[in-house]
Protein backbone atom coordinates (compact mmCIF):
# COMPACT_ATOMS: atom_id res chain seq x y z
CA MET A 1 55.81 -83.20 -73.31
CA ALA A 2 58.89 -85.19 -73.07
CA GLY A 3 60.77 -82.22 -74.38
CA GLU A 4 59.41 -80.01 -71.80
CA LYS A 5 60.14 -82.31 -68.85
CA SER A 6 63.71 -82.96 -70.21
CA LEU A 7 64.44 -79.20 -69.13
CA PHE A 8 64.51 -80.27 -65.64
CA GLY A 9 66.26 -83.67 -65.87
CA GLY A 10 68.10 -84.65 -62.65
CA VAL A 11 65.98 -82.58 -60.45
CA LYS A 12 65.60 -84.32 -56.94
CA TRP A 13 64.35 -81.27 -54.82
CA VAL A 14 61.56 -78.83 -55.67
CA PHE A 15 61.89 -75.43 -53.63
CA ILE A 16 58.71 -73.47 -53.73
CA ASP A 17 58.23 -69.97 -52.29
CA LEU A 18 55.26 -69.82 -50.00
CA ASP A 19 53.42 -66.43 -49.81
CA ASP A 20 51.56 -65.69 -53.26
CA THR A 21 52.83 -68.91 -54.83
CA LEU A 22 51.27 -71.62 -52.71
CA TRP A 23 49.50 -69.70 -49.79
CA ASP A 24 47.58 -66.70 -51.03
CA PHE A 25 48.93 -63.95 -49.25
CA SER A 26 47.13 -61.24 -51.04
CA ALA A 27 43.65 -62.69 -50.26
CA ASN A 28 44.41 -63.77 -46.64
CA SER A 29 45.97 -60.24 -45.91
CA ASP A 30 42.94 -58.43 -47.20
CA VAL A 31 40.71 -60.56 -44.56
CA ALA A 32 43.34 -59.81 -41.77
CA LEU A 33 43.37 -56.15 -42.53
CA GLN A 34 39.78 -55.82 -42.74
CA LYS A 35 39.40 -57.43 -39.30
CA LEU A 36 42.13 -55.07 -38.05
CA TYR A 37 40.40 -52.04 -39.38
CA ARG A 38 37.15 -52.97 -37.49
CA ASN A 39 38.97 -54.01 -34.27
CA PHE A 40 40.96 -50.86 -33.79
CA ASP A 41 38.76 -47.82 -33.81
CA ILE A 42 41.64 -45.40 -34.07
CA ILE A 43 42.31 -46.55 -37.44
CA SER A 44 38.70 -45.75 -38.81
CA GLY A 45 39.23 -42.55 -36.93
CA TYR A 46 42.05 -41.49 -39.21
CA TYR A 47 40.83 -43.39 -42.16
CA PRO A 48 37.14 -43.14 -42.47
CA GLU A 49 37.22 -44.87 -45.65
CA TYR A 50 38.81 -48.40 -45.60
CA GLU A 51 39.96 -48.14 -49.15
CA GLU A 52 42.49 -45.26 -48.26
CA PHE A 53 43.79 -47.25 -45.24
CA ASP A 54 44.22 -50.42 -47.45
CA GLU A 55 45.98 -48.43 -50.12
CA SER A 56 48.21 -46.60 -47.79
CA TYR A 57 49.07 -49.75 -45.86
CA HIS A 58 50.08 -51.75 -48.93
CA LEU A 59 52.03 -48.87 -50.32
CA LYS A 60 54.16 -48.72 -47.15
CA ASN A 61 54.45 -52.23 -46.65
CA SER A 62 55.75 -52.98 -50.22
CA GLU A 63 58.33 -50.42 -49.72
CA LEU A 64 59.54 -51.64 -46.43
CA TRP A 65 59.65 -55.30 -47.71
CA ASP A 66 61.80 -54.35 -50.65
CA LEU A 67 64.26 -52.78 -48.11
CA TYR A 68 64.15 -56.03 -45.86
CA HIS A 69 64.71 -58.19 -48.82
CA HIS A 70 67.88 -56.41 -49.57
CA GLY A 71 69.01 -56.27 -45.99
CA HIS A 72 68.62 -52.52 -45.51
CA ILE A 73 66.18 -52.70 -42.59
CA GLU A 74 65.69 -55.09 -39.67
CA GLN A 75 62.78 -57.24 -39.29
CA GLU A 76 61.48 -55.45 -36.14
CA TYR A 77 61.67 -52.02 -37.72
CA LEU A 78 59.41 -53.37 -40.68
CA LYS A 79 56.84 -54.63 -38.25
CA LEU A 80 56.60 -51.69 -36.28
CA GLU A 81 57.00 -49.04 -39.04
CA ARG A 82 54.21 -50.11 -41.37
CA PHE A 83 51.61 -49.37 -38.74
CA ARG A 84 53.37 -46.47 -37.10
CA TRP A 85 53.71 -44.68 -40.47
CA LEU A 86 50.01 -45.04 -40.99
CA LEU A 87 49.20 -43.24 -37.77
CA VAL A 88 51.89 -40.61 -38.00
CA ARG A 89 51.14 -39.41 -41.39
CA LYS A 90 47.78 -38.67 -40.26
CA GLY A 91 48.97 -36.47 -37.39
CA TYR A 92 48.94 -38.87 -34.49
CA GLU A 93 51.50 -37.61 -32.04
CA SER A 94 51.06 -39.69 -28.69
CA ASP A 95 53.94 -41.10 -26.91
CA ASP A 96 52.31 -44.45 -27.13
CA VAL A 97 52.69 -44.85 -30.89
CA ASP A 98 55.30 -47.42 -30.99
CA VAL A 99 53.28 -49.49 -28.35
CA LEU A 100 50.08 -49.18 -30.30
CA SER A 101 51.78 -49.94 -33.61
CA ALA A 102 53.38 -52.96 -32.09
CA ALA A 103 49.90 -54.19 -31.00
CA MET A 104 48.38 -53.68 -34.35
CA ASN A 105 51.28 -55.70 -35.89
CA GLU A 106 50.93 -58.50 -33.32
CA TRP A 107 47.09 -58.71 -33.74
CA TYR A 108 47.41 -58.45 -37.56
CA LEU A 109 50.04 -61.40 -37.78
CA GLU A 110 48.02 -63.61 -35.43
CA GLU A 111 44.92 -63.21 -37.64
CA LEU A 112 46.88 -63.62 -40.83
CA SER A 113 48.38 -66.94 -39.51
CA ARG A 114 44.92 -68.43 -39.09
CA CYS A 115 43.92 -67.75 -42.71
CA ARG A 116 43.92 -70.67 -45.07
CA GLU A 117 43.15 -69.62 -48.55
CA LEU A 118 45.49 -71.15 -51.04
CA VAL A 119 46.59 -70.07 -54.74
CA ASP A 120 44.41 -71.90 -57.15
CA GLY A 121 46.21 -75.40 -58.15
CA ALA A 122 48.54 -75.45 -55.13
CA ILE A 123 47.29 -78.69 -53.60
CA ASP A 124 46.81 -80.45 -56.93
CA LEU A 125 50.44 -79.30 -57.81
CA LEU A 126 51.90 -80.49 -54.60
CA GLU A 127 50.11 -83.94 -54.84
CA SER A 128 51.66 -84.41 -58.24
CA LEU A 129 55.22 -83.21 -57.41
CA SER A 130 55.33 -85.21 -54.03
CA LYS A 131 55.07 -88.32 -56.12
CA ARG A 132 58.37 -87.66 -57.91
CA TYR A 133 60.41 -85.22 -55.94
CA LEU A 134 61.29 -83.98 -52.44
CA ILE A 135 59.59 -80.67 -51.71
CA GLY A 136 61.14 -77.72 -49.83
CA VAL A 137 59.70 -74.20 -48.93
CA LEU A 138 61.98 -71.18 -49.04
CA SER A 139 60.56 -68.03 -47.66
CA ASN A 140 61.42 -64.47 -46.65
CA GLY A 141 58.63 -64.49 -44.19
CA PHE A 142 58.77 -64.33 -40.30
CA ALA A 143 59.41 -67.81 -39.19
CA ASP A 144 56.80 -68.29 -36.63
CA VAL A 145 54.08 -66.97 -38.83
CA GLN A 146 55.24 -69.03 -41.89
CA TYR A 147 55.34 -72.27 -39.75
CA ARG A 148 51.77 -71.43 -38.63
CA LYS A 149 50.61 -70.92 -42.12
CA LEU A 150 52.01 -74.22 -43.33
CA GLN A 151 50.13 -76.03 -40.34
CA THR A 152 46.67 -74.27 -40.45
CA SER A 153 46.58 -74.54 -44.37
CA GLY A 154 47.35 -78.32 -44.41
CA LEU A 155 50.41 -77.65 -46.70
CA TRP A 156 52.90 -79.09 -44.20
CA ARG A 157 52.12 -82.73 -45.16
CA TYR A 158 53.68 -82.21 -48.44
CA VAL A 159 56.87 -80.44 -47.21
CA GLN A 160 60.19 -82.22 -46.25
CA ARG A 161 62.20 -79.03 -45.32
CA MET A 162 61.27 -75.38 -44.77
CA VAL A 163 63.97 -72.68 -44.85
CA VAL A 164 62.96 -69.19 -43.52
CA SER A 165 65.15 -66.16 -43.81
CA ASP A 166 64.94 -64.84 -40.34
CA GLU A 167 66.19 -68.17 -38.89
CA ILE A 168 69.52 -67.70 -40.74
CA GLY A 169 69.62 -63.86 -40.97
CA VAL A 170 69.68 -63.82 -44.78
CA GLN A 171 66.88 -62.92 -47.23
CA LYS A 172 66.29 -63.89 -50.81
CA PRO A 173 67.60 -62.73 -53.37
CA ASP A 174 71.01 -63.05 -51.49
CA ARG A 175 72.54 -66.22 -52.78
CA ARG A 176 73.65 -67.45 -49.33
CA ILE A 177 70.08 -68.53 -48.34
CA PHE A 178 69.93 -70.59 -51.50
CA ASP A 179 73.21 -71.99 -50.62
CA TYR A 180 72.31 -72.79 -47.18
CA ALA A 181 69.13 -74.56 -48.47
CA LEU A 182 71.37 -76.70 -50.45
CA SER A 183 73.49 -77.71 -47.54
CA GLU A 184 70.48 -78.39 -45.34
CA VAL A 185 69.05 -80.97 -47.93
CA GLY A 186 72.40 -82.35 -49.12
CA ALA A 187 71.80 -81.52 -52.76
CA GLU A 188 73.77 -79.83 -55.56
CA ALA A 189 72.66 -76.74 -57.55
CA ASP A 190 71.79 -78.79 -60.66
CA GLU A 191 69.56 -81.27 -58.49
CA VAL A 192 67.28 -78.45 -57.31
CA ILE A 193 64.69 -76.11 -58.90
CA MET A 194 63.00 -72.89 -57.51
CA ILE A 195 59.39 -71.88 -58.22
CA GLY A 196 58.34 -68.57 -57.14
CA ASP A 197 56.21 -65.47 -57.96
CA ASN A 198 58.76 -62.71 -57.23
CA PRO A 199 61.16 -62.07 -59.98
CA ASP A 200 63.79 -60.60 -57.82
CA ALA A 201 63.81 -62.62 -54.64
CA ASP A 202 62.93 -65.89 -56.23
CA ILE A 203 64.15 -65.97 -59.71
CA TYR A 204 67.08 -63.78 -59.95
CA GLY A 205 68.26 -64.99 -56.34
CA ALA A 206 68.00 -68.58 -57.40
CA LYS A 207 69.78 -68.16 -60.69
CA SER A 208 72.51 -66.41 -58.93
CA ALA A 209 73.05 -69.72 -57.02
CA GLY A 210 73.08 -71.80 -60.11
CA TRP A 211 69.49 -73.18 -59.56
CA ARG A 212 66.97 -73.82 -62.44
CA THR A 213 63.88 -71.80 -62.18
CA ILE A 214 60.11 -71.53 -62.91
CA TYR A 215 58.70 -68.05 -62.74
CA PHE A 216 55.10 -68.18 -61.67
CA ASN A 217 53.98 -64.95 -63.31
CA ARG A 218 50.49 -64.88 -61.47
CA LYS A 219 49.94 -61.11 -61.69
CA GLY A 220 50.86 -60.66 -65.30
CA ARG A 221 54.04 -58.73 -64.73
CA SER A 222 56.74 -58.30 -67.29
CA SER A 223 58.60 -61.55 -68.39
CA VAL A 224 61.84 -62.47 -66.75
CA SER A 225 64.57 -63.33 -69.15
CA VAL A 226 66.67 -65.30 -66.97
CA ALA A 227 63.80 -67.74 -65.88
CA ASP A 228 64.09 -71.30 -67.45
CA VAL A 229 60.31 -71.45 -67.65
CA GLU A 230 57.40 -68.90 -67.19
CA VAL A 231 53.93 -70.09 -66.33
CA ALA A 232 50.79 -68.06 -65.68
CA SER A 233 49.13 -70.84 -63.44
CA LEU A 234 50.39 -73.47 -61.01
CA SER A 235 48.59 -76.26 -63.13
CA ASP A 236 51.00 -75.26 -66.09
CA VAL A 237 54.06 -76.46 -63.96
CA LYS A 238 53.00 -80.02 -64.31
CA ALA A 239 53.85 -80.01 -67.91
CA TYR A 240 57.60 -79.40 -66.83
CA LEU A 241 58.00 -81.48 -63.58
């Protein structure tokens, strides 16, 4: 145990990704999408089976978020296109497609921000870390939604600083957001560690800025060779910090 903890000697700040690391985005998004499907009759008209709607949405949303992470599209395009595409691909041709898509997105985000499901072990880990470290959240999400998630889920009481990409116009894995986080908390790179579930945005991004990292491989993806430590559950993190 002592040898494991010595990997991260000198750490003062622990920055943690929010979605699917602490706050269970996958589970909460499923709840919000099911409500959206029931609330907008036009969706079920084009997608009689919810499973097709769900699969199509996640396919397009993942594609758009990857482009957004790397600065190839703007936030507003992502929000509009993920629902517009679902309608257009099924033949919806009305002039109000952008207005309807924007309404769907606004409704979905509002429902999403009310959801409270956390990743297993999130509170236990934060309780443990808060006794020894300062805790930050570093997220690529939309600022208004991310702050509401922290409030409604009760995570806020553990967090000393939150850095959200769209507040500064830079997304993970760009090292500038990690450098910005350091400047905000007055720390050096060797005093900070990043915990996250996204190999590209969280782990490679943090390593490019000189941070130490713990890769939370929650979904059993391929290992990430640059990560200092890889864990399968949040409870495993406590062996190192």
